[in-house]
PDB file of N, CA and C in Angstrom:
ATOM      1  N   MET A   1      76.732 180.124  -2.982  1.00  0.00           N
ATOM      2  CA  MET A   1      75.770 179.154  -2.316  1.00  0.00           C
ATOM      3  C   MET A   1      75.078 179.600  -1.045  1.00  0.00           C
ATOM      4  N   THR A   2      74.224 179.211  -0.495  1.00  0.00           N
ATOM      5  CA  THR A   2      73.556 179.585   0.752  1.00  0.00           C
ATOM      6  C   THR A   2      73.827 178.705   1.899  1.00  0.00           C
ATOM      7  N   LYS A   3      74.081 179.300   3.040  1.00  0.00           N
ATOM      8  CA  LYS A   3      74.259 178.259   3.842  1.00  0.00           C
ATOM      9  C   LYS A   3      73.197 177.381   4.723  1.00  0.00           C
ATOM     10  N   SER A   4      73.384 176.548   5.387  1.00  0.00           N
ATOM     11  CA  SER A   4      72.225 175.501   5.680  1.00  0.00           C
ATOM     12  C   SER A   4      71.624 175.992   7.130  1.00  0.00           C
ATOM     13  N   ILE A   5      70.441 175.910   7.718  1.00  0.00           N
ATOM     14  CA  ILE A   5      70.093 176.632   8.574  1.00  0.00           C
ATOM     15  C   ILE A   5      69.497 175.513   9.281  1.00  0.00           C
ATOM     16  N   SER A   6      69.903 175.421  10.795  1.00  0.00           N
ATOM     17  CA  SER A   6      69.284 174.448  11.221  1.00  0.00           C
ATOM     18  C   SER A   6      68.883 175.344  12.708  1.00  0.00           C
ATOM     19  N   LYS A   7      68.157 174.892  13.766  1.00  0.00           N
ATOM     20  CA  LYS A   7      68.095 174.853  14.727  1.00  0.00           C
ATOM     21  C   LYS A   7      68.824 174.296  16.035  1.00  0.00           C
ATOM     22  N   VAL A   8      69.105 174.931  17.071  1.00  0.00           N
ATOM     23  CA  VAL A   8      69.394 174.195  18.425  1.00  0.00           C
ATOM     24  C   VAL A   8      68.627 174.617  19.229  1.00  0.00           C
ATOM     25  N   ILE A   9      67.378 173.704  20.319  1.00  0.00           N
ATOM     26  CA  ILE A   9      66.604 174.106  20.972  1.00  0.00           C
ATOM     27  C   ILE A   9      66.890 173.733  22.476  1.00  0.00           C
ATOM     28  N   TYR A  10      66.552 174.662  23.230  1.00  0.00           N
ATOM     29  CA  TYR A  10      66.960 174.237  24.596  1.00  0.00           C
ATOM     30  C   TYR A  10      65.048 173.911  25.498  1.00  0.00           C
ATOM     31  N   LYS A  11      65.550 172.907  26.467  1.00  0.00           N
ATOM     32  CA  LYS A  11      64.348 172.848  27.269  1.00  0.00           C
ATOM     33  C   LYS A  11      64.958 172.625  28.426  1.00  0.00           C
ATOM     34  N   PRO A  12      64.162 174.006  29.553  1.00  0.00           N
ATOM     35  CA  PRO A  12      64.873 174.358  30.601  1.00  0.00           C
ATOM     36  C   PRO A  12      64.393 173.058  31.745  1.00  0.00           C
ATOM     37  N   ASP A  13      62.666 172.500  31.361  1.00  0.00           N
ATOM     38  CA  ASP A  13      62.394 171.975  31.923  1.00  0.00           C
ATOM     39  C   ASP A  13      61.850 170.839  31.531  1.00  0.00           C
ATOM     40  N   SER A  14      62.202 169.613  31.741  1.00  0.00           N
ATOM     41  CA  SER A  14      61.453 168.296  30.824  1.00  0.00           C
ATOM     42  C   SER A  14      60.108 167.991  31.270  1.00  0.00           C
ATOM     43  N   GLN A  15      59.603 168.335  32.252  1.00  0.00           N
ATOM     44  CA  GLN A  15      58.163 168.454  32.623  1.00  0.00           C
ATOM     45  C   GLN A  15      57.191 169.361  31.287  1.00  0.00           C
ATOM     46  N   SER A  16      57.988 170.370  30.905  1.00  0.00           N
ATOM     47  CA  SER A  16      57.331 171.455  30.536  1.00  0.00           C
ATOM     48  C   SER A  16      57.327 171.426  28.808  1.00  0.00           C
ATOM     49  N   THR A  17      56.222 172.424  28.095  1.00  0.00           N
ATOM     50  CA  THR A  17      56.636 172.397  26.939  1.00  0.00           C
ATOM     51  C   THR A  17      57.092 173.921  26.346  1.00  0.00           C
ATOM     52  N   ASP A  18      57.672 174.246  27.326  1.00  0.00           N
ATOM     53  CA  ASP A  18      58.189 175.317  26.720  1.00  0.00           C
ATOM     54  C   ASP A  18      59.897 175.386  26.437  1.00  0.00           C
ATOM     55  N   GLU A  19      60.374 175.666  25.241  1.00  0.00           N
ATOM     56  CA  GLU A  19      61.224 175.465  24.370  1.00  0.00           C
ATOM     57  C   GLU A  19      61.562 176.642  24.337  1.00  0.00           C
ATOM     58  N   TYR A  20      63.010 177.188  23.894  1.00  0.00           N
ATOM     59  CA  TYR A  20      64.006 178.032  23.502  1.00  0.00           C
ATOM     60  C   TYR A  20      64.838 177.613  22.265  1.00  0.00           C
ATOM     61  N   CYS A  21      64.630 178.479  21.257  1.00  0.00           N
ATOM     62  CA  CYS A  21      65.683 178.007  20.043  1.00  0.00           C
ATOM     63  C   CYS A  21      66.274 178.804  19.578  1.00  0.00           C
ATOM     64  N   LEU A  22      67.298 178.952  18.937  1.00  0.00           N
ATOM     65  CA  LEU A  22      68.210 179.873  18.366  1.00  0.00           C
ATOM     66  C   LEU A  22      68.523 178.872  16.657  1.00  0.00           C
ATOM     67  N   LEU A  23      68.487 179.781  15.876  1.00  0.00           N
ATOM     68  CA  LEU A  23      68.859 179.554  14.297  1.00  0.00           C
ATOM     69  C   LEU A  23      70.297 179.381  14.361  1.00  0.00           C
ATOM     70  N   VAL A  24      70.906 178.449  13.588  1.00  0.00           N
ATOM     71  CA  VAL A  24      72.519 178.408  13.872  1.00  0.00           C
ATOM     72  C   VAL A  24      72.722 177.803  12.103  1.00  0.00           C
ATOM     73  N   HIS A  25      73.934 178.191  11.847  1.00  0.00           N
ATOM     74  CA  HIS A  25      74.644 177.687  10.727  1.00  0.00           C
ATOM     75  C   HIS A  25      75.038 176.094  10.934  1.00  0.00           C
ATOM     76  N   THR A  26      74.528 175.537  10.495  1.00  0.00           N
ATOM     77  CA  THR A  26      74.707 173.825  10.433  1.00  0.00           C
ATOM     78  C   THR A  26      76.553 173.050  10.538  1.00  0.00           C
ATOM     79  N   GLU A  27      77.080 173.694   9.667  1.00  0.00           N
ATOM     80  CA  GLU A  27      78.554 173.276   9.724  1.00  0.00           C
ATOM     81  C   GLU A  27      79.406 174.225  10.750  1.00  0.00           C
ATOM     82  N   GLU A  28      78.903 175.302  10.650  1.00  0.00           N
ATOM     83  CA  GLU A  28      79.837 176.312  11.592  1.00  0.00           C
ATOM     84  C   GLU A  28      79.228 175.736  13.154  1.00  0.00           C
ATOM     85  N   TYR A  29      78.268 175.113  13.488  1.00  0.00           N
ATOM     86  CA  TYR A  29      77.531 174.684  14.900  1.00  0.00           C
ATOM     87  C   TYR A  29      78.379 173.324  14.929  1.00  0.00           C
ATOM     88  N   LYS A  30      78.549 172.827  14.165  1.00  0.00           N
ATOM     89  CA  LYS A  30      78.851 171.209  14.277  1.00  0.00           C
ATOM     90  C   LYS A  30      80.833 171.643  14.713  1.00  0.00           C
ATOM     91  N   LYS A  31      81.210 172.409  13.969  1.00  0.00           N
ATOM     92  CA  LYS A  31      82.693 172.771  14.470  1.00  0.00           C
ATOM     93  C   LYS A  31      83.043 173.336  15.424  1.00  0.00           C
ATOM     94  N   TRP A  32      81.575 174.040  16.321  1.00  0.00           N
ATOM     95  CA  TRP A  32      81.955 174.659  17.100  1.00  0.00           C
ATOM     96  C   TRP A  32      81.586 174.005  18.473  1.00  0.00           C
ATOM     97  N   LYS A  33      80.789 173.298  18.307  1.00  0.00           N
ATOM     98  CA  LYS A  33      80.491 172.174  19.026  1.00  0.00           C
ATOM     99  C   LYS A  33      81.634 171.139  19.694  1.00  0.00           C
ATOM    100  N   ALA A  34      82.474 170.661  18.517  1.00  0.00           N
ATOM    101  CA  ALA A  34      83.169 169.831  18.442  1.00  0.00           C
ATOM    102  C   ALA A  34      84.411 170.458  18.794  1.00  0.00           C
ATOM    103  N   GLY A  35      84.586 171.806  19.223  1.00  0.00           N
ATOM    104  CA  GLY A  35      85.627 172.373  20.010  1.00  0.00           C
ATOM    105  C   GLY A  35      86.277 173.353  19.220  1.00  0.00           C
ATOM    106  N   GLY A  36      85.957 173.852  18.517  1.00  0.00           N
ATOM    107  CA  GLY A  36      86.085 175.049  17.289  1.00  0.00           C
ATOM    108  C   GLY A  36      86.361 175.997  18.415  1.00  0.00           C
ATOM    109  N   ASP A  37      87.077 176.485  18.903  1.00  0.00           N
ATOM    110  CA  ASP A  37      86.746 177.955  19.917  1.00  0.00           C
ATOM    111  C   ASP A  37      87.440 178.997  19.129  1.00  0.00           C
ATOM    112  N   SER A  38      88.258 178.817  17.997  1.00  0.00           N
ATOM    113  CA  SER A  38      88.704 179.889  17.129  1.00  0.00           C
ATOM    114  C   SER A  38      87.686 180.223  16.010  1.00  0.00           C
ATOM    115  N   ILE A  39      86.043 179.572  16.325  1.00  0.00           N
ATOM    116  CA  ILE A  39      85.533 179.867  15.224  1.00  0.00           C
ATOM    117  C   ILE A  39      84.290 181.071  15.886  1.00  0.00           C
ATOM    118  N   PRO A  40      84.265 182.339  15.185  1.00  0.00           N
ATOM    119  CA  PRO A  40      83.274 183.512  16.477  1.00  0.00           C
ATOM    120  C   PRO A  40      82.233 183.158  16.569  1.00  0.00           C
ATOM    121  N   LEU A  41      81.441 183.526  17.288  1.00  0.00           N
ATOM    122  CA  LEU A  41      79.866 183.058  17.869  1.00  0.00           C
ATOM    123  C   LEU A  41      79.346 183.688  16.466  1.00  0.00           C
ATOM    124  N   ALA A  42      79.566 185.006  16.103  1.00  0.00           N
ATOM    125  CA  ALA A  42      78.768 185.765  15.097  1.00  0.00           C
ATOM    126  C   ALA A  42      78.577 184.433  13.728  1.00  0.00           C
ATOM    127  N   ASP A  43      79.860 183.837  13.547  1.00  0.00           N
ATOM    128  CA  ASP A  43      79.790 183.065  12.232  1.00  0.00           C
ATOM    129  C   ASP A  43      78.872 181.879  12.473  1.00  0.00           C
ATOM    130  N   VAL A  44      78.708 181.262  13.936  1.00  0.00           N
ATOM    131  CA  VAL A  44      77.729 180.233  13.946  1.00  0.00           C
ATOM    132  C   VAL A  44      76.283 180.428  14.305  1.00  0.00           C
ATOM    133  N   VAL A  45      75.937 181.752  14.784  1.00  0.00           N
ATOM    134  CA  VAL A  45      74.466 181.931  14.641  1.00  0.00           C
ATOM    135  C   VAL A  45      73.943 182.552  13.920  1.00  0.00           C
ATOM    136  N   ASP A  46      72.648 182.446  13.272  1.00  0.00           N
ATOM    137  CA  ASP A  46      72.492 182.912  11.849  1.00  0.00           C
ATOM    138  C   ASP A  46      71.940 184.154  12.609  1.00  0.00           C
ATOM    139  N   SER A  47      71.497 184.397  13.903  1.00  0.00           N
ATOM    140  CA  SER A  47      70.836 185.665  14.699  1.00  0.00           C
ATOM    141  C   SER A  47      70.924 185.550  16.047  1.00  0.00           C
ATOM    142  N   TYR A  48      71.096 186.529  16.581  1.00  0.00           N
ATOM    143  CA  TYR A  48      71.038 186.111  18.147  1.00  0.00           C
ATOM    144  C   TYR A  48      69.669 186.095  18.845  1.00  0.00           C
ATOM    145  N   GLN A  49      69.112 186.174  18.070  1.00  0.00           N
ATOM    146  CA  GLN A  49      67.412 186.420  18.552  1.00  0.00           C
ATOM    147  C   GLN A  49      66.859 185.007  19.023  1.00  0.00           C
ATOM    148  N   ALA A  50      66.776 184.890  20.118  1.00  0.00           N
ATOM    149  CA  ALA A  50      66.393 183.522  20.761  1.00  0.00           C
ATOM    150  C   ALA A  50      64.785 183.558  20.273  1.00  0.00           C
ATOM    151  N   PHE A  51      64.088 182.188  20.169  1.00  0.00           N
ATOM    152  CA  PHE A  51      62.764 182.549  19.696  1.00  0.00           C
ATOM    153  C   PHE A  51      62.553 181.165  20.857  1.00  0.00           C
ATOM    154  N   HIS A  52      61.401 181.377  21.066  1.00  0.00           N
ATOM    155  CA  HIS A  52      60.484 180.881  22.251  1.00  0.00           C
ATOM    156  C   HIS A  52      59.049 179.916  22.033  1.00  0.00           C
ATOM    157  N   SER A  53      58.635 179.003  22.142  1.00  0.00           N
ATOM    158  CA  SER A  53      57.561 178.512  21.820  1.00  0.00           C
ATOM    159  C   SER A  53      56.858 177.299  22.677  1.00  0.00           C
ATOM    160  N   GLY A  54      55.827 177.366  23.181  1.00  0.00           N
ATOM    161  CA  GLY A  54      55.106 176.860  24.386  1.00  0.00           C
ATOM    162  C   GLY A  54      54.199 175.199  23.690  1.00  0.00           C
ATOM    163  N   GLN A  55      54.629 175.507  22.640  1.00  0.00           N
ATOM    164  CA  GLN A  55      53.672 174.077  21.873  1.00  0.00           C
ATOM    165  C   GLN A  55      55.150 172.945  21.180  1.00  0.00           C
ATOM    166  N   GLY A  56      56.027 172.984  21.764  1.00  0.00           N
ATOM    167  CA  GLY A  56      57.417 171.941  21.518  1.00  0.00           C
ATOM    168  C   GLY A  56      58.305 172.471  20.216  1.00  0.00           C
ATOM    169  N   PRO A  57      59.197 171.786  19.611  1.00  0.00           N
ATOM    170  CA  PRO A  57      59.513 172.464  18.596  1.00  0.00           C
ATOM    171  C   PRO A  57      59.054 172.186  17.144  1.00  0.00           C
ATOM    172  N   GLN A  58      58.152 172.152  16.841  1.00  0.00           N
ATOM    173  CA  GLN A  58      57.220 172.321  15.720  1.00  0.00           C
ATOM    174  C   GLN A  58      56.015 173.255  15.950  1.00  0.00           C
ATOM    175  N   GLY A  59      56.043 174.007  15.564  1.00  0.00           N
ATOM    176  CA  GLY A  59      54.884 175.493  15.414  1.00  0.00           C
ATOM    177  C   GLY A  59      55.520 176.506  15.441  1.00  0.00           C
ATOM    178  N   ILE A  60      54.578 177.451  15.884  1.00  0.00           N
ATOM    179  CA  ILE A  60      55.026 179.203  15.611  1.00  0.00           C
ATOM    180  C   ILE A  60      55.863 179.566  17.055  1.00  0.00           C
ATOM    181  N   LEU A  61      56.926 179.915  16.471  1.00  0.00           N
ATOM    182  CA  LEU A  61      57.992 180.552  17.199  1.00  0.00           C
ATOM    183  C   LEU A  61      57.959 181.882  17.242  1.00  0.00           C
ATOM    184  N   GLY A  62      57.681 182.219  18.814  1.00  0.00           N
ATOM    185  CA  GLY A  62      57.689 183.851  18.873  1.00  0.00           C
ATOM    186  C   GLY A  62      59.172 184.399  19.827  1.00  0.00           C
ATOM    187  N   LYS A  63      58.941 185.719  19.832  1.00  0.00           N
ATOM    188  CA  LYS A  63      60.193 186.460  20.765  1.00  0.00           C
ATOM    189  C   LYS A  63      59.504 186.334  21.896  1.00  0.00           C
ATOM    190  N   PRO A  64      60.636 185.956  22.811  1.00  0.00           N
ATOM    191  CA  PRO A  64      60.355 186.030  24.234  1.00  0.00           C
ATOM    192  C   PRO A  64      60.767 187.096  25.131  1.00  0.00           C
ATOM    193  N   SER A  65      60.015 187.660  26.253  1.00  0.00           N
ATOM    194  CA  SER A  65      60.346 188.716  26.655  1.00  0.00           C
ATOM    195  C   SER A  65      61.475 188.657  27.544  1.00  0.00           C
ATOM    196  N   ASN A  66      62.076 190.237  27.701  1.00  0.00           N
ATOM    197  CA  ASN A  66      63.277 190.055  28.531  1.00  0.00           C
ATOM    198  C   ASN A  66      63.239 189.090  29.938  1.00  0.00           C
ATOM    199  N   GLN A  67      62.101 189.391  30.309  1.00  0.00           N
ATOM    200  CA  GLN A  67      61.418 188.905  31.730  1.00  0.00           C
ATOM    201  C   GLN A  67      61.360 187.430  31.953  1.00  0.00           C
ATOM    202  N   GLN A  68      61.275 186.320  30.615  1.00  0.00           N
ATOM    203  CA  GLN A  68      61.052 185.144  30.441  1.00  0.00           C
ATOM    204  C   GLN A  68      62.307 184.619  30.338  1.00  0.00           C
ATOM    205  N   LEU A  69      63.538 185.393  29.464  1.00  0.00           N
ATOM    206  CA  LEU A  69      64.679 185.253  29.070  1.00  0.00           C
ATOM    207  C   LEU A  69      65.523 185.410  30.768  1.00  0.00           C
ATOM    208  N   ASP A  70      65.306 186.588  31.520  1.00  0.00           N
ATOM    209  CA  ASP A  70      65.870 186.592  32.733  1.00  0.00           C
ATOM    210  C   ASP A  70      65.716 185.455  33.898  1.00  0.00           C
ATOM    211  N   THR A  71      64.164 185.097  33.647  1.00  0.00           N
ATOM    212  CA  THR A  71      63.887 183.743  34.470  1.00  0.00           C
ATOM    213  C   THR A  71      64.347 182.435  34.318  1.00  0.00           C
ATOM    214  N   VAL A  72      64.591 182.495  33.044  1.00  0.00           N
ATOM    215  CA  VAL A  72      65.121 181.044  32.472  1.00  0.00           C
ATOM    216  C   VAL A  72      66.720 180.758  32.451  1.00  0.00           C
ATOM    217  N   PHE A  73      67.141 182.223  32.154  1.00  0.00           N
ATOM    218  CA  PHE A  73      68.851 182.165  31.613  1.00  0.00           C
ATOM    219  C   PHE A  73      69.285 182.769  32.743  1.00  0.00           C
ATOM    220  N   GLY A  74      68.752 183.759  33.715  1.00  0.00           N
ATOM    221  CA  GLY A  74      69.704 184.571  34.433  1.00  0.00           C
ATOM    222  C   GLY A  74      69.949 185.665  33.716  1.00  0.00           C
ATOM    223  N   SER A  75      69.805 185.921  32.943  1.00  0.00           N
ATOM    224  CA  SER A  75      70.169 187.360  31.921  1.00  0.00           C
ATOM    225  C   SER A  75      69.433 187.170  30.695  1.00  0.00           C
ATOM    226  N   SER A  76      69.047 188.415  30.474  1.00  0.00           N
ATOM    227  CA  SER A  76      68.138 188.772  28.936  1.00  0.00           C
ATOM    228  C   SER A  76      69.283 189.452  28.079  1.00  0.00           C
ATOM    229  N   LYS A  77      70.783 189.215  28.404  1.00  0.00           N
ATOM    230  CA  LYS A  77      71.388 189.748  27.332  1.00  0.00           C
ATOM    231  C   LYS A  77      71.412 188.211  26.234  1.00  0.00           C
ATOM    232  N   ASP A  78      71.256 189.182  24.472  1.00  0.00           N
ATOM    233  CA  ASP A  78      71.384 188.081  23.704  1.00  0.00           C
ATOM    234  C   ASP A  78      72.814 186.923  23.749  1.00  0.00           C
ATOM    235  N   VAL A  79      73.474 187.837  23.724  1.00  0.00           N
ATOM    236  CA  VAL A  79      74.885 186.693  24.055  1.00  0.00           C
ATOM    237  C   VAL A  79      74.956 185.702  25.025  1.00  0.00           C
ATOM    238  N   ASP A  80      74.605 186.218  26.098  1.00  0.00           N
ATOM    239  CA  ASP A  80      74.855 185.159  27.514  1.00  0.00           C
ATOM    240  C   ASP A  80      73.458 184.246  26.906  1.00  0.00           C
ATOM    241  N   VAL A  81      72.223 184.564  26.114  1.00  0.00           N
ATOM    242  CA  VAL A  81      71.105 183.358  26.311  1.00  0.00           C
ATOM    243  C   VAL A  81      71.828 182.500  25.133  1.00  0.00           C
ATOM    244  N   ALA A  82      72.056 183.089  24.106  1.00  0.00           N
ATOM    245  CA  ALA A  82      72.534 182.306  23.184  1.00  0.00           C
ATOM    246  C   ALA A  82      73.907 181.414  23.520  1.00  0.00           C
ATOM    247  N   LEU A  83      74.630 181.568  24.047  1.00  0.00           N
ATOM    248  CA  LEU A  83      75.518 180.704  24.662  1.00  0.00           C
ATOM    249  C   LEU A  83      75.327 179.316  25.254  1.00  0.00           C
ATOM    250  N   ILE A  84      74.042 179.630  26.466  1.00  0.00           N
ATOM    251  CA  ILE A  84      73.428 178.857  27.171  1.00  0.00           C
ATOM    252  C   ILE A  84      72.666 177.608  25.995  1.00  0.00           C
ATOM    253  N   ILE A  85      72.316 178.226  24.926  1.00  0.00           N
ATOM    254  CA  ILE A  85      71.330 177.650  24.176  1.00  0.00           C
ATOM    255  C   ILE A  85      72.345 176.676  23.535  1.00  0.00           C
ATOM    256  N   LEU A  86      73.193 177.390  23.160  1.00  0.00           N
ATOM    257  CA  LEU A  86      74.242 176.442  22.091  1.00  0.00           C
ATOM    258  C   LEU A  86      74.979 175.484  23.129  1.00  0.00           C
ATOM    259  N   GLU A  87      75.458 175.691  24.495  1.00  0.00           N
ATOM    260  CA  GLU A  87      75.952 174.580  25.351  1.00  0.00           C
ATOM    261  C   GLU A  87      75.044 173.714  25.532  1.00  0.00           C
ATOM    262  N   LYS A  88      73.970 173.924  25.843  1.00  0.00           N
ATOM    263  CA  LYS A  88      72.807 173.253  26.812  1.00  0.00           C
ATOM    264  C   LYS A  88      71.823 172.512  25.892  1.00  0.00           C
ATOM    265  N   GLY A  89      72.036 172.805  24.336  1.00  0.00           N
ATOM    266  CA  GLY A  89      70.622 172.679  23.728  1.00  0.00           C
ATOM    267  C   GLY A  89      70.559 171.426  22.818  1.00  0.00           C
ATOM    268  N   ARG A  90      69.778 170.782  22.013  1.00  0.00           N
ATOM    269  CA  ARG A  90      69.992 169.893  21.018  1.00  0.00           C
ATOM    270  C   ARG A  90      69.634 170.404  19.987  1.00  0.00           C
ATOM    271  N   HIS A  91      70.697 169.591  18.944  1.00  0.00           N
ATOM    272  CA  HIS A  91      70.653 170.148  17.282  1.00  0.00           C
ATOM    273  C   HIS A  91      69.412 169.706  16.909  1.00  0.00           C
ATOM    274  N   GLN A  92      68.848 170.584  15.583  1.00  0.00           N
ATOM    275  CA  GLN A  92      68.035 169.847  15.208  1.00  0.00           C
ATOM    276  C   GLN A  92      67.961 170.414  13.532  1.00  0.00           C
ATOM    277  N   VAL A  93      67.851 169.491  12.687  1.00  0.00           N
ATOM    278  CA  VAL A  93      67.850 169.746  11.409  1.00  0.00           C
ATOM    279  C   VAL A  93      66.669 170.198  10.824  1.00  0.00           C
ATOM    280  N   THR A  94      66.413 171.305  10.281  1.00  0.00           N
ATOM    281  CA  THR A  94      64.871 171.509   9.719  1.00  0.00           C
ATOM    282  C   THR A  94      64.855 171.851   8.269  1.00  0.00           C
ATOM    283  N   GLU A  95      63.887 171.653   8.032  1.00  0.00           N
ATOM    284  CA  GLU A  95      63.613 171.997   6.581  1.00  0.00           C
ATOM    285  C   GLU A  95      63.000 173.448   6.424  1.00  0.00           C
ATOM    286  N   GLY A  96      62.590 174.024   5.280  1.00  0.00           N
ATOM    287  CA  GLY A  96      61.499 174.824   5.418  1.00  0.00           C
ATOM    288  C   GLY A  96      62.093 176.050   5.969  1.00  0.00           C
ATOM    289  N   VAL A  97      63.101 176.420   6.530  1.00  0.00           N
ATOM    290  CA  VAL A  97      64.050 177.651   7.248  1.00  0.00           C
ATOM    291  C   VAL A  97      64.726 177.858   6.117  1.00  0.00           C
ATOM    292  N   GLN A  98      64.925 178.920   5.300  1.00  0.00           N
ATOM    293  CA  GLN A  98      66.044 179.426   4.987  1.00  0.00           C
ATOM    294  C   GLN A  98      66.703 180.656   5.689  1.00  0.00           C
ATOM    295  N   SER A  99      68.191 180.440   5.062  1.00  0.00           N
ATOM    296  CA  SER A  99      69.037 181.693   5.743  1.00  0.00           C
ATOM    297  C   SER A  99      68.527 182.786   4.819  1.00  0.00           C
ATOM    298  N   THR A 100      67.791 183.012   3.810  1.00  0.00           N
ATOM    299  CA  THR A 100      67.783 184.009   3.347  1.00  0.00           C
ATOM    300  C   THR A 100      65.862 184.082   2.847  1.00  0.00           C
ATOM    301  N   PHE A 101      65.391 185.161   3.645  1.00  0.00           N
ATOM    302  CA  PHE A 101      63.778 185.190   3.594  1.00  0.00           C
ATOM    303  C   PHE A 101      63.415 186.648   3.156  1.00  0.00           C
ATOM    304  N   GLY A 102      62.562 187.083   2.669  1.00  0.00           N
ATOM    305  CA  GLY A 102      62.285 188.033   2.477  1.00  0.00           C
ATOM    306  C   GLY A 102      60.992 188.610   3.244  1.00  0.00           C
ATOM    307  N   SER A 103      60.483 189.865   3.564  1.00  0.00           N
ATOM    308  CA  SER A 103      59.592 190.492   4.443  1.00  0.00           C
ATOM    309  C   SER A 103      59.387 191.663   3.744  1.00  0.00           C
ATOM    310  N   THR A 104      58.121 191.930   2.984  1.00  0.00           N
ATOM    311  CA  THR A 104      57.764 193.007   2.836  1.00  0.00           C
ATOM    312  C   THR A 104      58.085 194.070   3.534  1.00  0.00           C
ATOM    313  N   ASN A 105      57.678 194.266   5.154  1.00  0.00           N
ATOM    314  CA  ASN A 105      57.883 194.977   5.783  1.00  0.00           C
ATOM    315  C   ASN A 105      58.067 194.472   7.325  1.00  0.00           C
ATOM    316  N   ALA A 106      59.156 194.250   7.846  1.00  0.00           N
ATOM    317  CA  ALA A 106      59.609 193.760   8.976  1.00  0.00           C
ATOM    318  C   ALA A 106      58.963 194.519  10.142  1.00  0.00           C
ATOM    319  N   THR A 107      59.044 195.536   9.842  1.00  0.00           N
ATOM    320  CA  THR A 107      58.101 196.667  10.700  1.00  0.00           C
ATOM    321  C   THR A 107      57.050 196.131  11.696  1.00  0.00           C
ATOM    322  N   ARG A 108      56.376 195.864  10.654  1.00  0.00           N
ATOM    323  CA  ARG A 108      54.941 195.668  10.963  1.00  0.00           C
ATOM    324  C   ARG A 108      54.319 194.112  11.427  1.00  0.00           C
ATOM    325  N   GLY A 109      55.529 193.280  11.633  1.00  0.00           N
ATOM    326  CA  GLY A 109      55.164 192.165  12.372  1.00  0.00           C
ATOM    327  C   GLY A 109      55.316 192.162  13.888  1.00  0.00           C
ATOM    328  N   SER A 110      55.497 190.786  14.190  1.00  0.00           N
ATOM    329  CA  SER A 110      55.539 190.712  15.734  1.00  0.00           C
ATOM    330  C   SER A 110      56.203 189.277  16.096  1.00  0.00           C
ATOM    331  N   ALA A 111      57.384 189.530  14.937  1.00  0.00           N
ATOM    332  CA  ALA A 111      58.980 188.702  14.898  1.00  0.00           C
ATOM    333  C   ALA A 111      58.556 187.429  15.577  1.00  0.00           C
ATOM    334  N   VAL A 112      57.644 186.316  14.477  1.00  0.00           N
ATOM    335  CA  VAL A 112      57.233 185.536  14.430  1.00  0.00           C
ATOM    336  C   VAL A 112      57.677 184.451  13.417  1.00  0.00           C
ATOM    337  N   LEU A 113      58.226 183.351  13.838  1.00  0.00           N
ATOM    338  CA  LEU A 113      58.779 182.292  12.676  1.00  0.00           C
ATOM    339  C   LEU A 113      57.875 181.126  12.852  1.00  0.00           C
ATOM    340  N   ASP A 114      57.400 180.552  11.549  1.00  0.00           N
ATOM    341  CA  ASP A 114      56.973 179.674  11.791  1.00  0.00           C
ATOM    342  C   ASP A 114      57.829 178.066  11.098  1.00  0.00           C
ATOM    343  N   SER A 115      58.013 177.441  12.329  1.00  0.00           N
ATOM    344  CA  SER A 115      58.800 176.176  11.989  1.00  0.00           C
ATOM    345  C   SER A 115      58.631 174.633  11.287  1.00  0.00           C
ATOM    346  N   ARG A 116      56.961 174.965  10.610  1.00  0.00           N
ATOM    347  CA  ARG A 116      56.251 173.884  10.842  1.00  0.00           C
ATOM    348  C   ARG A 116      56.985 172.898   9.060  1.00  0.00           C
ATOM    349  N   GLY A 117      57.453 173.725   8.418  1.00  0.00           N
ATOM    350  CA  GLY A 117      58.255 173.183   7.469  1.00  0.00           C
ATOM    351  C   GLY A 117      57.430 173.521   6.394  1.00  0.00           C
ATOM    352  N   LYS A 118      56.642 174.286   6.397  1.00  0.00           N
ATOM    353  CA  LYS A 118      55.863 175.446   5.101  1.00  0.00           C
ATOM    354  C   LYS A 118      56.632 176.587   4.529  1.00  0.00           C
ATOM    355  N   GLY A 119      57.574 176.699   5.086  1.00  0.00           N
ATOM    356  CA  GLY A 119      58.299 177.687   5.066  1.00  0.00           C
ATOM    357  C   GLY A 119      57.397 179.138   5.126  1.00  0.00           C
ATOM    358  N   LEU A 120      57.467 180.709   4.459  1.00  0.00           N
ATOM    359  CA  LEU A 120      56.432 181.535   4.847  1.00  0.00           C
ATOM    360  C   LEU A 120      55.284 181.295   4.686  1.00  0.00           C
ATOM    361  N   SER A 121      55.027 180.503   3.839  1.00  0.00           N
ATOM    362  CA  SER A 121      53.314 180.844   3.409  1.00  0.00           C
ATOM    363  C   SER A 121      52.676 180.087   4.710  1.00  0.00           C
ATOM    364  N   GLY A 122      51.748 180.869   5.193  1.00  0.00           N
ATOM    365  CA  GLY A 122      50.927 180.325   6.337  1.00  0.00           C
ATOM    366  C   GLY A 122      50.804 181.039   7.487  1.00  0.00           C
ATOM    367  N   VAL A 123      51.802 182.225   7.665  1.00  0.00           N
ATOM    368  CA  VAL A 123      52.399 182.912   8.774  1.00  0.00           C
ATOM    369  C   VAL A 123      51.159 184.024   9.232  1.00  0.00           C
TER     370      VAL A 123
END
């Protein structure tokens, strides 16, 4: 059985459309958020890769630069950024994001994830 994937979205400024998100395992995140400090962070997040969108939560998500991460989170370390997003972000259950997706050649891409609910078609 595959784990259910959802997003945690962090918006640093309420007036801005910039948002950062992290893909998490839904059940593990709920347990961790409820005070399950014994749950390893590696079990909560699907990947430590934070994504950025200037279009709000629905749209094409790209990889933020280290400078963007430093400016917003005070650090560009993936673990520090992940903790801030998990603690201060809001949980959003998504459709179309799967924990197992294939790529023919991941090195030929720009680390872009489409979260508009179409899966991987149309990227």
